[in-house]
């Protein structure tokens, strides 16, 4: 190993101070950008669940009009979930068969379901009927977010779409 007259080695291994500072600056920038994204993760989960609710309702609405079978959308307060069923008539009996998978709504919490003409429900299971001719019961679903804020979802009986209202904005 070659050595200079001052006693230091010519073969340097390691990093210079400038290289270390550049690496620290790059890591700081990456963490500065990514931490807010990770902090808003629960808000993204809530939006995902709202989209799942809207998608399930629209799917059932479309399926009912195409197959001419009545469908049920059931909210289970105890399990905090959403279930979908198809009602089929065979030999004078009505069979209730599951349609799709159960949708767990956490981090959202079901607070109440208002069905026009039937009342307000805050416990147990409540089902909304989706009829074969492109109509469903007028419904308002109130959910609580993790932050404690409540949102109201209004189900349109003629289109199967959902309007979401919270304190800040209205989204269609």
N, C-alpha and C. Protein backbone atom coordinates (compact mmCIF):
# COMPACT_ATOMS: atom_id res chain seq x y z
N UNK A 1 0.85 -1.16 0.00
CA UNK A 1 0.00 0.00 0.00
C UNK A 1 0.90 1.23 0.00
N UNK A 2 0.74 2.11 -1.01
CA UNK A 2 1.58 3.30 -1.08
C UNK A 2 1.21 4.30 0.01
N UNK A 3 2.22 4.91 0.60
CA UNK A 3 2.01 5.87 1.68
C UNK A 3 2.76 7.16 1.33
N UNK A 4 2.12 8.29 1.52
CA UNK A 4 2.75 9.58 1.30
C UNK A 4 3.74 9.87 2.42
N UNK A 5 4.66 10.81 2.18
CA UNK A 5 5.62 11.15 3.23
C UNK A 5 4.95 11.68 4.51
N UNK A 6 3.74 12.16 4.38
CA UNK A 6 3.07 12.68 5.58
C UNK A 6 2.48 11.56 6.41
N UNK A 7 2.51 10.33 5.88
CA UNK A 7 2.00 9.20 6.63
C UNK A 7 0.56 8.84 6.32
N UNK A 8 -0.02 9.46 5.29
CA UNK A 8 -1.39 9.12 4.93
C UNK A 8 -1.39 8.23 3.70
N UNK A 9 -2.38 7.41 3.60
CA UNK A 9 -2.49 6.45 2.51
C UNK A 9 -2.99 7.14 1.24
N UNK A 10 -2.47 6.71 0.09
CA UNK A 10 -2.93 7.25 -1.19
C UNK A 10 -4.27 6.64 -1.57
N UNK A 11 -4.50 5.38 -1.28
CA UNK A 11 -5.77 4.72 -1.57
C UNK A 11 -6.80 5.16 -0.53
N UNK A 12 -7.68 6.04 -0.98
CA UNK A 12 -8.69 6.53 -0.05
C UNK A 12 -9.94 5.66 -0.16
N UNK A 13 -10.52 5.32 0.93
CA UNK A 13 -11.82 4.66 0.92
C UNK A 13 -12.72 5.42 1.88
N UNK A 14 -14.01 5.54 1.47
CA UNK A 14 -14.96 6.31 2.28
C UNK A 14 -15.53 7.45 1.48
N UNK A 15 -16.26 8.32 2.15
CA UNK A 15 -16.95 9.42 1.48
C UNK A 15 -16.38 10.74 1.96
N UNK A 16 -16.43 11.74 1.07
CA UNK A 16 -16.02 13.08 1.47
C UNK A 16 -17.20 13.75 2.18
N UNK A 17 -16.91 14.82 2.82
CA UNK A 17 -17.94 15.57 3.53
C UNK A 17 -19.02 16.07 2.57
N UNK A 18 -18.63 16.50 1.39
CA UNK A 18 -19.58 16.99 0.39
C UNK A 18 -20.51 15.87 -0.05
N UNK A 19 -19.99 14.67 -0.29
CA UNK A 19 -20.81 13.53 -0.69
C UNK A 19 -21.82 13.18 0.40
N UNK A 20 -21.38 13.19 1.64
CA UNK A 20 -22.31 12.91 2.75
C UNK A 20 -23.41 13.96 2.85
N UNK A 21 -23.07 15.23 2.66
CA UNK A 21 -24.06 16.30 2.74
C UNK A 21 -25.09 16.17 1.59
N UNK A 22 -24.62 15.84 0.40
CA UNK A 22 -25.55 15.66 -0.73
C UNK A 22 -26.51 14.51 -0.44
N UNK A 23 -26.01 13.40 0.09
CA UNK A 23 -26.88 12.26 0.42
C UNK A 23 -27.91 12.64 1.48
N UNK A 24 -27.51 13.40 2.48
CA UNK A 24 -28.43 13.83 3.54
C UNK A 24 -29.50 14.76 2.98
N UNK A 25 -29.12 15.67 2.10
CA UNK A 25 -30.09 16.59 1.49
C UNK A 25 -31.11 15.82 0.66
N UNK A 26 -30.66 14.84 -0.11
CA UNK A 26 -31.58 14.05 -0.94
C UNK A 26 -32.54 13.26 -0.06
N UNK A 27 -32.05 12.61 0.99
CA UNK A 27 -32.92 11.86 1.91
C UNK A 27 -33.92 12.79 2.60
N UNK A 28 -33.48 13.99 2.96
CA UNK A 28 -34.38 14.96 3.60
C UNK A 28 -35.50 15.37 2.65
N UNK A 29 -35.18 15.61 1.39
CA UNK A 29 -36.20 15.98 0.42
C UNK A 29 -37.21 14.87 0.20
N UNK A 30 -36.74 13.64 0.09
CA UNK A 30 -37.64 12.50 -0.10
C UNK A 30 -38.57 12.35 1.09
N UNK A 31 -38.05 12.46 2.31
CA UNK A 31 -38.91 12.32 3.49
C UNK A 31 -39.86 13.51 3.62
N UNK A 32 -39.41 14.71 3.24
CA UNK A 32 -40.26 15.90 3.31
C UNK A 32 -41.46 15.76 2.37
N UNK A 33 -41.25 15.13 1.22
CA UNK A 33 -42.33 14.95 0.25
C UNK A 33 -43.24 13.78 0.64
N UNK A 34 -42.68 12.70 1.15
CA UNK A 34 -43.48 11.49 1.39
C UNK A 34 -44.24 11.49 2.72
N UNK A 35 -43.77 12.16 3.73
CA UNK A 35 -44.47 12.13 5.02
C UNK A 35 -45.88 12.70 4.96
N UNK A 36 -46.14 13.82 4.30
CA UNK A 36 -47.54 14.28 4.21
C UNK A 36 -48.44 13.30 3.47
N UNK A 37 -47.89 12.60 2.49
CA UNK A 37 -48.69 11.61 1.77
C UNK A 37 -49.07 10.46 2.68
N UNK A 38 -48.17 10.03 3.54
CA UNK A 38 -48.46 8.96 4.48
C UNK A 38 -49.42 9.42 5.57
N UNK A 39 -49.34 10.68 5.95
CA UNK A 39 -50.22 11.21 6.99
C UNK A 39 -51.66 11.27 6.51
N UNK A 40 -51.90 11.48 5.21
CA UNK A 40 -53.25 11.57 4.66
C UNK A 40 -53.78 10.23 4.20
N UNK A 41 -53.18 9.15 4.61
CA UNK A 41 -53.58 7.82 4.16
C UNK A 41 -55.00 7.48 4.58
N UNK A 42 -55.40 7.84 5.81
CA UNK A 42 -56.75 7.52 6.27
C UNK A 42 -57.80 8.24 5.43
N UNK A 43 -57.51 9.46 5.00
CA UNK A 43 -58.43 10.19 4.15
C UNK A 43 -58.59 9.46 2.81
N UNK A 44 -57.51 8.89 2.31
CA UNK A 44 -57.57 8.11 1.08
C UNK A 44 -58.39 6.85 1.27
N UNK A 45 -58.27 6.20 2.43
CA UNK A 45 -59.07 5.02 2.72
C UNK A 45 -60.56 5.35 2.76
N UNK A 46 -60.89 6.51 3.34
CA UNK A 46 -62.29 6.93 3.40
C UNK A 46 -62.83 7.18 2.01
N UNK A 47 -62.05 7.84 1.18
CA UNK A 47 -62.49 8.09 -0.20
C UNK A 47 -62.67 6.78 -0.96
N UNK A 48 -61.78 5.83 -0.73
CA UNK A 48 -61.88 4.53 -1.38
C UNK A 48 -63.19 3.84 -0.99
N UNK A 49 -63.54 3.89 0.29
CA UNK A 49 -64.78 3.27 0.76
C UNK A 49 -66.01 3.97 0.19
N UNK A 50 -65.95 5.30 0.08
CA UNK A 50 -67.06 6.03 -0.53
C UNK A 50 -67.23 5.63 -1.99
N UNK A 51 -66.12 5.47 -2.69
CA UNK A 51 -66.19 5.02 -4.09
C UNK A 51 -66.73 3.60 -4.19
N UNK A 52 -66.37 2.75 -3.23
CA UNK A 52 -66.90 1.37 -3.23
C UNK A 52 -68.41 1.36 -3.03
N UNK A 53 -68.90 2.21 -2.12
CA UNK A 53 -70.34 2.31 -1.90
C UNK A 53 -71.02 2.76 -3.19
N UNK A 54 -70.53 3.85 -3.77
CA UNK A 54 -71.12 4.38 -4.99
C UNK A 54 -71.06 3.36 -6.13
N UNK A 55 -69.94 2.68 -6.26
CA UNK A 55 -69.80 1.67 -7.31
C UNK A 55 -70.74 0.50 -7.12
N UNK A 56 -70.91 0.07 -5.88
CA UNK A 56 -71.81 -1.05 -5.59
C UNK A 56 -73.26 -0.68 -5.92
N UNK A 57 -73.66 0.52 -5.53
CA UNK A 57 -75.03 0.97 -5.80
C UNK A 57 -75.27 1.05 -7.31
N UNK A 58 -74.33 1.65 -8.03
CA UNK A 58 -74.49 1.79 -9.48
C UNK A 58 -74.50 0.42 -10.17
N UNK A 59 -73.65 -0.51 -9.69
CA UNK A 59 -73.62 -1.85 -10.26
C UNK A 59 -74.96 -2.56 -10.04
N UNK A 60 -75.51 -2.48 -8.83
CA UNK A 60 -76.80 -3.11 -8.55
C UNK A 60 -77.92 -2.48 -9.37
N UNK A 61 -77.89 -1.17 -9.50
CA UNK A 61 -78.90 -0.46 -10.29
C UNK A 61 -78.85 -0.93 -11.74
N UNK A 62 -77.66 -0.97 -12.32
CA UNK A 62 -77.51 -1.42 -13.71
C UNK A 62 -77.88 -2.89 -13.87
N UNK A 63 -77.48 -3.71 -12.92
CA UNK A 63 -77.79 -5.15 -12.98
C UNK A 63 -79.30 -5.38 -12.90
N UNK A 64 -79.98 -4.62 -12.06
CA UNK A 64 -81.43 -4.77 -11.93
C UNK A 64 -82.14 -4.41 -13.22
N UNK A 65 -81.69 -3.35 -13.88
CA UNK A 65 -82.35 -2.96 -15.13
C UNK A 65 -82.04 -3.94 -16.26
N UNK A 66 -80.86 -4.55 -16.26
CA UNK A 66 -80.49 -5.48 -17.32
C UNK A 66 -81.13 -6.86 -17.15
N UNK A 67 -81.12 -7.38 -15.92
CA UNK A 67 -81.61 -8.74 -15.70
C UNK A 67 -83.10 -8.79 -15.37
N UNK A 68 -83.68 -7.64 -15.06
CA UNK A 68 -85.09 -7.56 -14.65
C UNK A 68 -85.35 -8.33 -13.34
N UNK A 69 -84.30 -8.43 -12.51
CA UNK A 69 -84.43 -9.02 -11.18
C UNK A 69 -84.34 -7.90 -10.14
N UNK A 70 -85.13 -8.01 -9.10
CA UNK A 70 -85.02 -7.05 -8.00
C UNK A 70 -83.76 -7.34 -7.20
N UNK A 71 -83.10 -6.30 -6.71
CA UNK A 71 -81.89 -6.44 -5.91
C UNK A 71 -82.08 -5.73 -4.57
N UNK A 72 -81.32 -6.17 -3.60
CA UNK A 72 -81.32 -5.53 -2.27
C UNK A 72 -79.92 -5.04 -1.94
N UNK A 73 -79.86 -3.86 -1.36
CA UNK A 73 -78.61 -3.32 -0.82
C UNK A 73 -78.81 -3.25 0.68
N UNK A 74 -78.06 -4.05 1.44
CA UNK A 74 -78.29 -4.17 2.88
C UNK A 74 -77.13 -3.55 3.66
N UNK A 75 -77.47 -2.64 4.58
CA UNK A 75 -76.49 -2.04 5.49
C UNK A 75 -76.59 -2.77 6.82
N UNK A 76 -75.47 -3.30 7.29
CA UNK A 76 -75.41 -4.02 8.56
C UNK A 76 -74.68 -3.14 9.57
N UNK A 77 -75.43 -2.56 10.51
CA UNK A 77 -74.85 -1.65 11.50
C UNK A 77 -73.88 -2.38 12.43
N UNK A 78 -74.20 -3.62 12.81
CA UNK A 78 -73.36 -4.37 13.74
C UNK A 78 -72.00 -4.71 13.15
N UNK A 79 -71.98 -5.11 11.89
CA UNK A 79 -70.72 -5.47 11.21
C UNK A 79 -70.09 -4.29 10.50
N UNK A 80 -70.81 -3.16 10.43
CA UNK A 80 -70.37 -1.96 9.71
C UNK A 80 -69.99 -2.34 8.28
N UNK A 81 -70.97 -2.95 7.60
CA UNK A 81 -70.69 -3.44 6.25
C UNK A 81 -71.88 -3.24 5.33
N UNK A 82 -71.61 -3.51 4.06
CA UNK A 82 -72.60 -3.39 3.00
C UNK A 82 -72.69 -4.73 2.29
N UNK A 83 -73.91 -5.24 2.12
CA UNK A 83 -74.14 -6.51 1.44
C UNK A 83 -75.09 -6.29 0.27
N UNK A 84 -74.91 -7.07 -0.78
CA UNK A 84 -75.78 -6.98 -1.94
C UNK A 84 -76.39 -8.34 -2.23
N UNK A 85 -77.65 -8.33 -2.63
CA UNK A 85 -78.37 -9.57 -2.92
C UNK A 85 -79.19 -9.41 -4.20
N UNK A 86 -79.39 -10.52 -4.88
CA UNK A 86 -80.29 -10.60 -6.03
C UNK A 86 -81.49 -11.43 -5.60
N UNK A 87 -82.69 -10.94 -5.89
CA UNK A 87 -83.90 -11.69 -5.59
C UNK A 87 -84.38 -12.35 -6.88
N UNK A 88 -84.42 -13.66 -6.88
CA UNK A 88 -84.87 -14.40 -8.06
C UNK A 88 -86.16 -15.14 -7.72
N UNK A 89 -87.07 -15.13 -8.66
CA UNK A 89 -88.33 -15.83 -8.48
C UNK A 89 -88.29 -17.14 -9.26
N UNK A 90 -88.49 -18.24 -8.52
CA UNK A 90 -88.54 -19.54 -9.17
C UNK A 90 -89.61 -20.39 -8.49
N UNK A 91 -90.52 -20.91 -9.30
CA UNK A 91 -91.61 -21.77 -8.82
C UNK A 91 -92.43 -21.11 -7.71
N UNK A 92 -92.67 -19.83 -7.85
CA UNK A 92 -93.49 -19.12 -6.88
C UNK A 92 -92.76 -18.70 -5.61
N UNK A 93 -91.49 -19.11 -5.45
CA UNK A 93 -90.70 -18.72 -4.29
C UNK A 93 -89.67 -17.67 -4.70
N UNK A 94 -89.36 -16.80 -3.77
CA UNK A 94 -88.34 -15.78 -4.03
C UNK A 94 -87.07 -16.21 -3.32
N UNK A 95 -86.02 -16.39 -4.08
CA UNK A 95 -84.71 -16.78 -3.53
C UNK A 95 -83.83 -15.54 -3.40
N UNK A 96 -83.15 -15.45 -2.28
CA UNK A 96 -82.24 -14.33 -2.01
C UNK A 96 -80.82 -14.87 -2.12
N UNK A 97 -80.12 -14.49 -3.20
CA UNK A 97 -78.76 -14.99 -3.39
C UNK A 97 -77.77 -13.84 -3.29
N UNK A 98 -76.63 -14.08 -2.64
CA UNK A 98 -75.62 -13.03 -2.51
C UNK A 98 -75.14 -12.56 -3.89
N UNK A 99 -74.88 -11.28 -3.99
CA UNK A 99 -74.39 -10.68 -5.23
C UNK A 99 -73.11 -9.92 -4.90
N UNK A 100 -71.97 -10.49 -5.27
CA UNK A 100 -70.70 -9.86 -4.93
C UNK A 100 -70.29 -10.18 -3.50
N UNK A 101 -69.26 -9.48 -3.05
CA UNK A 101 -68.73 -9.72 -1.72
C UNK A 101 -69.19 -8.64 -0.74
N UNK A 102 -69.14 -8.99 0.53
CA UNK A 102 -69.45 -8.02 1.57
C UNK A 102 -68.39 -6.92 1.56
N UNK A 103 -68.83 -5.68 1.67
CA UNK A 103 -67.92 -4.53 1.68
C UNK A 103 -67.85 -4.01 3.11
N UNK A 104 -66.67 -4.16 3.72
CA UNK A 104 -66.46 -3.61 5.06
C UNK A 104 -66.21 -2.11 4.92
N UNK A 105 -66.88 -1.29 5.73
CA UNK A 105 -66.84 0.16 5.54
C UNK A 105 -65.82 0.89 6.39
N UNK A 106 -65.11 0.19 7.29
CA UNK A 106 -64.09 0.87 8.09
C UNK A 106 -63.07 1.48 7.15
N UNK A 107 -62.60 2.67 7.40
CA UNK A 107 -62.65 3.52 8.60
C UNK A 107 -63.92 4.33 8.76
N UNK A 108 -64.86 4.24 7.83
CA UNK A 108 -66.14 4.92 7.99
C UNK A 108 -67.03 4.12 8.94
N UNK A 109 -67.94 4.80 9.62
CA UNK A 109 -68.87 4.15 10.54
C UNK A 109 -70.29 4.55 10.15
N UNK A 110 -71.15 3.56 9.92
CA UNK A 110 -72.55 3.85 9.58
C UNK A 110 -73.24 4.45 10.80
N UNK A 111 -73.86 5.63 10.64
CA UNK A 111 -74.56 6.28 11.74
C UNK A 111 -76.07 6.07 11.63
N UNK A 112 -76.63 6.31 10.42
CA UNK A 112 -78.06 6.11 10.24
C UNK A 112 -78.38 6.01 8.75
N UNK A 113 -79.51 5.36 8.48
CA UNK A 113 -80.03 5.22 7.13
C UNK A 113 -81.47 5.73 7.15
N UNK A 114 -81.76 6.72 6.29
CA UNK A 114 -83.12 7.26 6.15
C UNK A 114 -83.67 6.79 4.81
N UNK A 115 -84.78 6.05 4.86
CA UNK A 115 -85.44 5.60 3.64
C UNK A 115 -86.80 6.28 3.58
N UNK A 116 -87.00 7.04 2.51
CA UNK A 116 -88.23 7.79 2.37
C UNK A 116 -89.44 6.86 2.40
N UNK A 117 -90.37 7.17 3.27
CA UNK A 117 -91.59 6.37 3.39
C UNK A 117 -91.47 5.22 4.38
N UNK A 118 -90.23 4.90 4.83
CA UNK A 118 -90.05 3.79 5.77
C UNK A 118 -89.46 4.24 7.10
N UNK A 119 -88.79 5.38 7.12
CA UNK A 119 -88.27 5.89 8.38
C UNK A 119 -86.77 5.93 8.47
N UNK A 120 -86.30 6.15 9.72
CA UNK A 120 -84.87 6.26 10.03
C UNK A 120 -84.44 5.04 10.82
N UNK A 121 -83.29 4.47 10.44
CA UNK A 121 -82.77 3.28 11.08
C UNK A 121 -81.37 3.57 11.63
N UNK A 122 -81.11 3.08 12.87
CA UNK A 122 -79.81 3.32 13.51
C UNK A 122 -79.19 2.04 14.07
N UNK A 123 -79.81 0.89 13.85
CA UNK A 123 -79.29 -0.37 14.38
C UNK A 123 -79.79 -1.53 13.54
N UNK A 124 -79.12 -2.67 13.70
CA UNK A 124 -79.53 -3.89 13.00
C UNK A 124 -79.14 -3.88 11.54
N UNK A 125 -80.01 -4.44 10.72
CA UNK A 125 -79.81 -4.46 9.27
C UNK A 125 -80.97 -3.75 8.60
N UNK A 126 -80.67 -2.99 7.57
CA UNK A 126 -81.70 -2.31 6.80
C UNK A 126 -81.38 -2.49 5.32
N UNK A 127 -82.42 -2.82 4.54
CA UNK A 127 -82.23 -3.08 3.11
C UNK A 127 -82.96 -2.06 2.26
N UNK A 128 -82.31 -1.68 1.18
CA UNK A 128 -82.89 -0.79 0.18
C UNK A 128 -83.24 -1.64 -1.03
N UNK A 129 -84.43 -1.46 -1.55
CA UNK A 129 -84.85 -2.23 -2.72
C UNK A 129 -84.49 -1.48 -3.99
N UNK A 130 -83.93 -2.23 -4.94
CA UNK A 130 -83.62 -1.69 -6.27
C UNK A 130 -84.47 -2.48 -7.25
N UNK A 131 -85.39 -1.80 -7.87
CA UNK A 131 -86.40 -2.45 -8.70
C UNK A 131 -85.93 -2.66 -10.14
N UNK A 132 -86.50 -3.63 -10.83
CA UNK A 132 -86.05 -3.98 -12.19
C UNK A 132 -86.24 -2.90 -13.24
N UNK A 133 -87.15 -1.99 -13.05
CA UNK A 133 -87.43 -1.00 -14.09
C UNK A 133 -86.61 0.28 -13.94
N UNK A 134 -85.50 0.22 -13.24
CA UNK A 134 -84.64 1.39 -13.11
C UNK A 134 -85.12 2.39 -12.09
N UNK A 135 -85.39 1.91 -10.90
CA UNK A 135 -85.82 2.78 -9.81
C UNK A 135 -85.38 2.16 -8.50
N UNK A 136 -85.01 2.98 -7.54
CA UNK A 136 -84.67 2.50 -6.20
C UNK A 136 -85.27 3.44 -5.17
N UNK A 137 -85.34 2.97 -3.94
CA UNK A 137 -85.91 3.78 -2.88
C UNK A 137 -85.01 4.98 -2.57
N UNK A 138 -85.63 6.15 -2.39
CA UNK A 138 -84.89 7.37 -2.03
C UNK A 138 -84.27 7.15 -0.66
N UNK A 139 -82.95 7.26 -0.59
CA UNK A 139 -82.23 6.92 0.64
C UNK A 139 -81.18 7.96 0.97
N UNK A 140 -81.00 8.20 2.27
CA UNK A 140 -79.91 9.04 2.77
C UNK A 140 -79.12 8.20 3.77
N UNK A 141 -77.83 8.09 3.54
CA UNK A 141 -76.94 7.34 4.42
C UNK A 141 -76.02 8.33 5.10
N UNK A 142 -75.94 8.27 6.43
CA UNK A 142 -75.04 9.14 7.19
C UNK A 142 -73.92 8.27 7.73
N UNK A 143 -72.67 8.67 7.43
CA UNK A 143 -71.50 7.95 7.93
C UNK A 143 -70.61 8.92 8.68
N UNK A 144 -69.87 8.37 9.64
CA UNK A 144 -68.92 9.18 10.42
C UNK A 144 -67.51 8.82 9.99
N UNK A 145 -66.70 9.85 9.75
CA UNK A 145 -65.30 9.65 9.39
C UNK A 145 -64.48 9.49 10.67
N UNK A 146 -63.22 9.06 10.52
CA UNK A 146 -62.34 8.90 11.69
C UNK A 146 -62.16 10.20 12.45
N UNK A 147 -62.21 11.33 11.74
CA UNK A 147 -62.03 12.64 12.36
C UNK A 147 -63.24 13.03 13.21
N UNK A 148 -64.34 12.29 13.10
CA UNK A 148 -65.55 12.61 13.85
C UNK A 148 -66.57 13.37 13.01
N UNK A 149 -66.16 13.90 11.85
CA UNK A 149 -67.08 14.60 10.96
C UNK A 149 -68.05 13.60 10.35
N UNK A 150 -69.26 14.06 10.08
CA UNK A 150 -70.24 13.20 9.45
C UNK A 150 -70.48 13.63 8.01
N UNK A 151 -70.78 12.65 7.17
CA UNK A 151 -71.07 12.90 5.77
C UNK A 151 -72.40 12.24 5.45
N UNK A 152 -73.13 12.85 4.52
CA UNK A 152 -74.41 12.28 4.09
C UNK A 152 -74.31 11.89 2.63
N UNK A 153 -74.70 10.65 2.34
CA UNK A 153 -74.74 10.16 0.97
C UNK A 153 -76.20 10.08 0.57
N UNK A 154 -76.58 10.71 -0.52
CA UNK A 154 -77.95 10.70 -1.01
C UNK A 154 -78.00 9.85 -2.27
N UNK A 155 -78.83 8.82 -2.25
CA UNK A 155 -78.97 7.90 -3.37
C UNK A 155 -80.10 8.40 -4.27
N UNK A 156 -79.79 8.64 -5.53
CA UNK A 156 -80.79 9.12 -6.48
C UNK A 156 -81.63 7.94 -6.96
N UNK A 157 -82.96 8.02 -6.79
CA UNK A 157 -83.80 6.88 -7.15
C UNK A 157 -83.92 6.64 -8.66
N UNK A 158 -83.70 7.65 -9.47
CA UNK A 158 -83.91 7.50 -10.91
C UNK A 158 -82.64 7.17 -11.70
N UNK A 159 -81.47 7.43 -11.12
CA UNK A 159 -80.23 7.20 -11.86
C UNK A 159 -79.29 6.21 -11.18
N UNK A 160 -79.50 5.94 -9.89
CA UNK A 160 -78.60 5.05 -9.17
C UNK A 160 -77.29 5.72 -8.79
N UNK A 161 -77.19 7.03 -8.95
CA UNK A 161 -75.97 7.74 -8.59
C UNK A 161 -76.05 8.23 -7.14
N UNK A 162 -74.91 8.66 -6.62
CA UNK A 162 -74.83 9.10 -5.22
C UNK A 162 -74.25 10.50 -5.17
N UNK A 163 -74.85 11.34 -4.33
CA UNK A 163 -74.31 12.66 -4.04
C UNK A 163 -73.77 12.61 -2.62
N UNK A 164 -72.54 13.08 -2.44
CA UNK A 164 -71.89 13.05 -1.13
C UNK A 164 -71.77 14.47 -0.60
N UNK A 165 -72.36 14.71 0.58
CA UNK A 165 -72.31 16.02 1.21
C UNK A 165 -71.54 15.91 2.52
N UNK A 166 -70.57 16.81 2.70
CA UNK A 166 -69.96 16.98 4.01
C UNK A 166 -69.96 18.47 4.31
N UNK A 167 -69.33 18.87 5.41
CA UNK A 167 -69.41 20.27 5.81
C UNK A 167 -68.73 21.20 4.82
N UNK A 168 -67.72 20.71 4.10
CA UNK A 168 -66.91 21.59 3.28
C UNK A 168 -67.39 21.70 1.84
N UNK A 169 -67.84 20.61 1.25
CA UNK A 169 -68.11 20.62 -0.18
C UNK A 169 -69.16 19.59 -0.56
N UNK A 170 -69.68 19.71 -1.73
CA UNK A 170 -70.60 18.72 -2.28
C UNK A 170 -69.93 18.10 -3.49
N UNK A 171 -69.88 16.77 -3.51
CA UNK A 171 -69.26 16.04 -4.61
C UNK A 171 -70.31 15.19 -5.30
N UNK A 172 -70.30 15.15 -6.61
CA UNK A 172 -71.24 14.31 -7.35
C UNK A 172 -70.49 13.18 -8.03
